[in-house]
Structures are given as structure tokens and as C-alpha cells.
Amino acid sequence: MTVPEYAEALQISISQVRELLRERHVVAARRGENNALYLPAGQLVDGDSGPEVLATVRGTIILLADAGMSDDEIAKWLVTDNDELGESPLAALRSGKRAPVRRAAQSLF
């Protein structure tokens, strides 16, 4: 999702999405001809009041960033199927498998 699409889904401003990115609540990768930021849609979940950011993704993003991965690498890792997890790390986080995802992330380093 583009930054404006993400803002619309969360019903917040574009600057608030950029703040979520700065604070590592979500991650984005640059893609396309214009090198625009795209956020994996799987970072959003249905909450009581509509779409919200998946809470457990932040710790994983911070863990991977602290280990030296770029935002592009983190975004790719989150959405790529992982043999150890049997699904993508983002899908595993969405189904409540935070500890296995963090172990998989730590095994990268």
C-alpha cells in the first residue's frame, strides 16, 4: 500500500503514517520507477474500531533494524515465506505466533 492508501485505511493523515514509520510501528520499502514508499498491507488488522496497526510487528521491526537490516530488507523478510515458520513472518505474527517469529529473526544473525 502507498502511504496515502495506508493513511486512508487507518483514517489518519499522511504525516501520521510517516510518524508511524519513524517510530518503527510499521515498515515500508521503496519500489517502482519513482522510488515510492510501499507498506505491506498485512501490517494492518481489523480492530474494534476498524483497521489498526498489528501491535506485534513493531518489536520484530526493531529487532531486525538493530541487527543491521535496512527497511527494504525488513519489509521483504516480513512478507517472504519462511521455512522455519511454514508461512511468512507477517502471516505468523497475524496469527499470534510472536515468539516463533522473533526466534526466526534472531536466527538470521
C-alpha atoms as a PDB file:
ATOM      1  CA  MET A   1       0.000   0.000   0.000  1.00  0.00           C
ATOM      2  CA  THR A   2       1.193   3.512  -0.676  1.00  0.00           C
ATOM      3  CA  VAL A   3       1.496   5.994   2.182  1.00  0.00           C
ATOM      4  CA  PRO A   4      -1.744   7.763   1.142  1.00  0.00           C
ATOM      5  CA  GLU A   5      -3.586   4.408   0.887  1.00  0.00           C
ATOM      6  CA  TYR A   6      -2.319   3.436   4.327  1.00  0.00           C
ATOM      7  CA  ALA A   7      -3.409   6.796   5.758  1.00  0.00           C
ATOM      8  CA  GLU A   8      -6.856   6.373   4.239  1.00  0.00           C
ATOM      9  CA  ALA A   9      -7.216   2.827   5.592  1.00  0.00           C
ATOM     10  CA  LEU A  10      -6.329   3.987   9.110  1.00  0.00           C
ATOM     11  CA  GLN A  11      -8.251   7.256   8.719  1.00  0.00           C
ATOM     12  CA  ILE A  12      -5.195   9.285   9.728  1.00  0.00           C
ATOM     13  CA  SER A  13      -3.059  11.889   7.982  1.00  0.00           C
ATOM     14  CA  ILE A  14      -0.081  11.129   5.767  1.00  0.00           C
ATOM     15  CA  SER A  15       2.170  12.823   8.328  1.00  0.00           C
ATOM     16  CA  GLN A  16       0.848  10.427  10.987  1.00  0.00           C
ATOM     17  CA  VAL A  17       1.772   7.466   8.754  1.00  0.00           C
ATOM     18  CA  ARG A  18       5.250   8.936   8.376  1.00  0.00           C
ATOM     19  CA  GLU A  19       5.431   9.203  12.181  1.00  0.00           C
ATOM     20  CA  LEU A  20       4.465   5.508  12.467  1.00  0.00           C
ATOM     21  CA  LEU A  21       7.344   4.760  10.095  1.00  0.00           C
ATOM     22  CA  ARG A  22       9.816   6.911  12.065  1.00  0.00           C
ATOM     23  CA  GLU A  23       8.805   5.271  15.335  1.00  0.00           C
ATOM     24  CA  ARG A  24       9.107   1.802  13.770  1.00  0.00           C
ATOM     25  CA  HIS A  25       5.481   0.842  14.349  1.00  0.00           C
ATOM     26  CA  VAL A  26       5.411  -0.147  10.659  1.00  0.00           C
ATOM     27  CA  VAL A  27       7.974  -0.594   7.907  1.00  0.00           C
ATOM     28  CA  ALA A  28       7.979   0.352   4.243  1.00  0.00           C
ATOM     29  CA  ALA A  29      10.110  -0.421   1.210  1.00  0.00           C
ATOM     30  CA  ARG A  30      10.882   1.760  -1.774  1.00  0.00           C
ATOM     31  CA  ARG A  31       9.595   0.391  -5.091  1.00  0.00           C
ATOM     32  CA  GLY A  32       8.754   1.398  -8.613  1.00  0.00           C
ATOM     33  CA  GLU A  33      10.021   3.982 -11.064  1.00  0.00           C
ATOM     34  CA  ASN A  34       9.535   6.865  -8.669  1.00  0.00           C
ATOM     35  CA  ASN A  35      11.071   5.007  -5.689  1.00  0.00           C
ATOM     36  CA  ALA A  36       7.863   5.483  -3.674  1.00  0.00           C
ATOM     37  CA  LEU A  37       7.311   4.023  -0.211  1.00  0.00           C
ATOM     38  CA  TYR A  38       5.060   0.973  -0.034  1.00  0.00           C
ATOM     39  CA  LEU A  39       3.880  -0.596   3.200  1.00  0.00           C
ATOM     40  CA  PRO A  40       2.926  -4.280   3.435  1.00  0.00           C
ATOM     41  CA  ALA A  41      -0.859  -4.358   3.860  1.00  0.00           C
ATOM     42  CA  GLY A  42      -0.515  -7.275   6.276  1.00  0.00           C
ATOM     43  CA  GLN A  43       0.690  -4.846   8.938  1.00  0.00           C
ATOM     44  CA  LEU A  44      -2.956  -3.804   9.273  1.00  0.00           C
ATOM     45  CA  VAL A  45      -5.505  -5.886  11.156  1.00  0.00           C
ATOM     46  CA  ASP A  46      -9.190  -5.423  11.888  1.00  0.00           C
ATOM     47  CA  GLY A  47      -9.624  -3.818  15.285  1.00  0.00           C
ATOM     48  CA  ASP A  48     -12.714  -2.963  17.287  1.00  0.00           C
ATOM     49  CA  SER A  49     -12.930   0.461  15.637  1.00  0.00           C
ATOM     50  CA  GLY A  50     -11.727  -0.510  12.160  1.00  0.00           C
ATOM     51  CA  PRO A  51      -8.263  -1.158  10.731  1.00  0.00           C
ATOM     52  CA  GLU A  52      -5.302  -0.737  13.072  1.00  0.00           C
ATOM     53  CA  VAL A  53      -1.583  -1.492  13.047  1.00  0.00           C
ATOM     54  CA  LEU A  54      -0.623  -5.014  14.106  1.00  0.00           C
ATOM     55  CA  ALA A  55       0.918  -4.410  17.538  1.00  0.00           C
ATOM     56  CA  THR A  56       3.460  -7.246  17.458  1.00  0.00           C
ATOM     57  CA  VAL A  57       5.122  -6.140  14.235  1.00  0.00           C
ATOM     58  CA  ARG A  58       6.973  -3.247  15.930  1.00  0.00           C
ATOM     59  CA  GLY A  59       9.201  -5.436  18.126  1.00  0.00           C
ATOM     60  CA  THR A  60      10.175  -7.562  15.143  1.00  0.00           C
ATOM     61  CA  ILE A  61      10.986  -4.476  13.055  1.00  0.00           C
ATOM     62  CA  ILE A  62      13.136  -3.076  15.868  1.00  0.00           C
ATOM     63  CA  LEU A  63      14.928  -6.410  16.350  1.00  0.00           C
ATOM     64  CA  LEU A  64      15.796  -6.657  12.660  1.00  0.00           C
ATOM     65  CA  ALA A  65      16.782  -2.978  12.384  1.00  0.00           C
ATOM     66  CA  ASP A  66      19.039  -3.243  15.439  1.00  0.00           C
ATOM     67  CA  ALA A  67      20.730  -6.209  13.753  1.00  0.00           C
ATOM     68  CA  GLY A  68      21.559  -4.001  10.771  1.00  0.00           C
ATOM     69  CA  MET A  69      18.831  -4.786   8.260  1.00  0.00           C
ATOM     70  CA  SER A  70      17.551  -1.957   6.070  1.00  0.00           C
ATOM     71  CA  ASP A  71      13.855  -1.138   5.883  1.00  0.00           C
ATOM     72  CA  ASP A  72      13.718  -2.684   2.399  1.00  0.00           C
ATOM     73  CA  GLU A  73      15.270  -5.902   3.736  1.00  0.00           C
ATOM     74  CA  ILE A  74      12.921  -5.961   6.732  1.00  0.00           C
ATOM     75  CA  ALA A  75       9.828  -5.476   4.571  1.00  0.00           C
ATOM     76  CA  LYS A  76      10.957  -8.229   2.216  1.00  0.00           C
ATOM     77  CA  TRP A  77      11.719 -10.615   5.103  1.00  0.00           C
ATOM     78  CA  LEU A  78       8.304  -9.988   6.660  1.00  0.00           C
ATOM     79  CA  VAL A  79       6.377 -10.950   3.528  1.00  0.00           C
ATOM     80  CA  THR A  80       8.565 -13.805   2.245  1.00  0.00           C
ATOM     81  CA  ASP A  81       7.635 -17.368   3.167  1.00  0.00           C
ATOM     82  CA  ASN A  82       9.918 -18.742   5.861  1.00  0.00           C
ATOM     83  CA  ASP A  83      10.652 -22.483   6.011  1.00  0.00           C
ATOM     84  CA  GLU A  84      11.037 -22.412   9.793  1.00  0.00           C
ATOM     85  CA  LEU A  85       7.593 -20.823  10.233  1.00  0.00           C
ATOM     86  CA  GLY A  86       5.788 -22.517   7.343  1.00  0.00           C
ATOM     87  CA  GLU A  87       4.415 -19.132   6.279  1.00  0.00           C
ATOM     88  CA  SER A  88       5.581 -15.552   6.019  1.00  0.00           C
ATOM     89  CA  PRO A  89       6.665 -13.907   9.283  1.00  0.00           C
ATOM     90  CA  LEU A  90       3.926 -11.313   8.839  1.00  0.00           C
ATOM     91  CA  ALA A  91       1.276 -14.037   8.462  1.00  0.00           C
ATOM     92  CA  ALA A  92       2.675 -15.763  11.555  1.00  0.00           C
ATOM     93  CA  LEU A  93       2.509 -12.507  13.544  1.00  0.00           C
ATOM     94  CA  ARG A  94      -1.080 -12.000  12.401  1.00  0.00           C
ATOM     95  CA  SER A  95      -1.965 -15.450  13.756  1.00  0.00           C
ATOM     96  CA  GLY A  96      -0.370 -14.767  17.145  1.00  0.00           C
ATOM     97  CA  LYS A  97       2.975 -16.524  16.697  1.00  0.00           C
ATOM     98  CA  ARG A  98       5.161 -13.703  18.005  1.00  0.00           C
ATOM     99  CA  ALA A  99       7.778 -15.845  19.783  1.00  0.00           C
ATOM    100  CA  PRO A 100       8.461 -18.157  16.800  1.00  0.00           C
ATOM    101  CA  VAL A 101       8.803 -15.117  14.531  1.00  0.00           C
ATOM    102  CA  ARG A 102      11.290 -13.463  16.892  1.00  0.00           C
ATOM    103  CA  ARG A 103      13.292 -16.719  17.114  1.00  0.00           C
ATOM    104  CA  ALA A 104      13.349 -16.916  13.316  1.00  0.00           C
ATOM    105  CA  ALA A 105      14.502 -13.291  13.169  1.00  0.00           C
ATOM    106  CA  GLN A 106      17.255 -13.915  15.720  1.00  0.00           C
ATOM    107  CA  SER A 107      18.462 -16.959  13.810  1.00  0.00           C
ATOM    108  CA  LEU A 108      19.379 -14.652  10.912  1.00  0.00           C
ATOM    109  CA  PHE A 109      22.266 -13.200  12.936  1.00  0.00           C
END
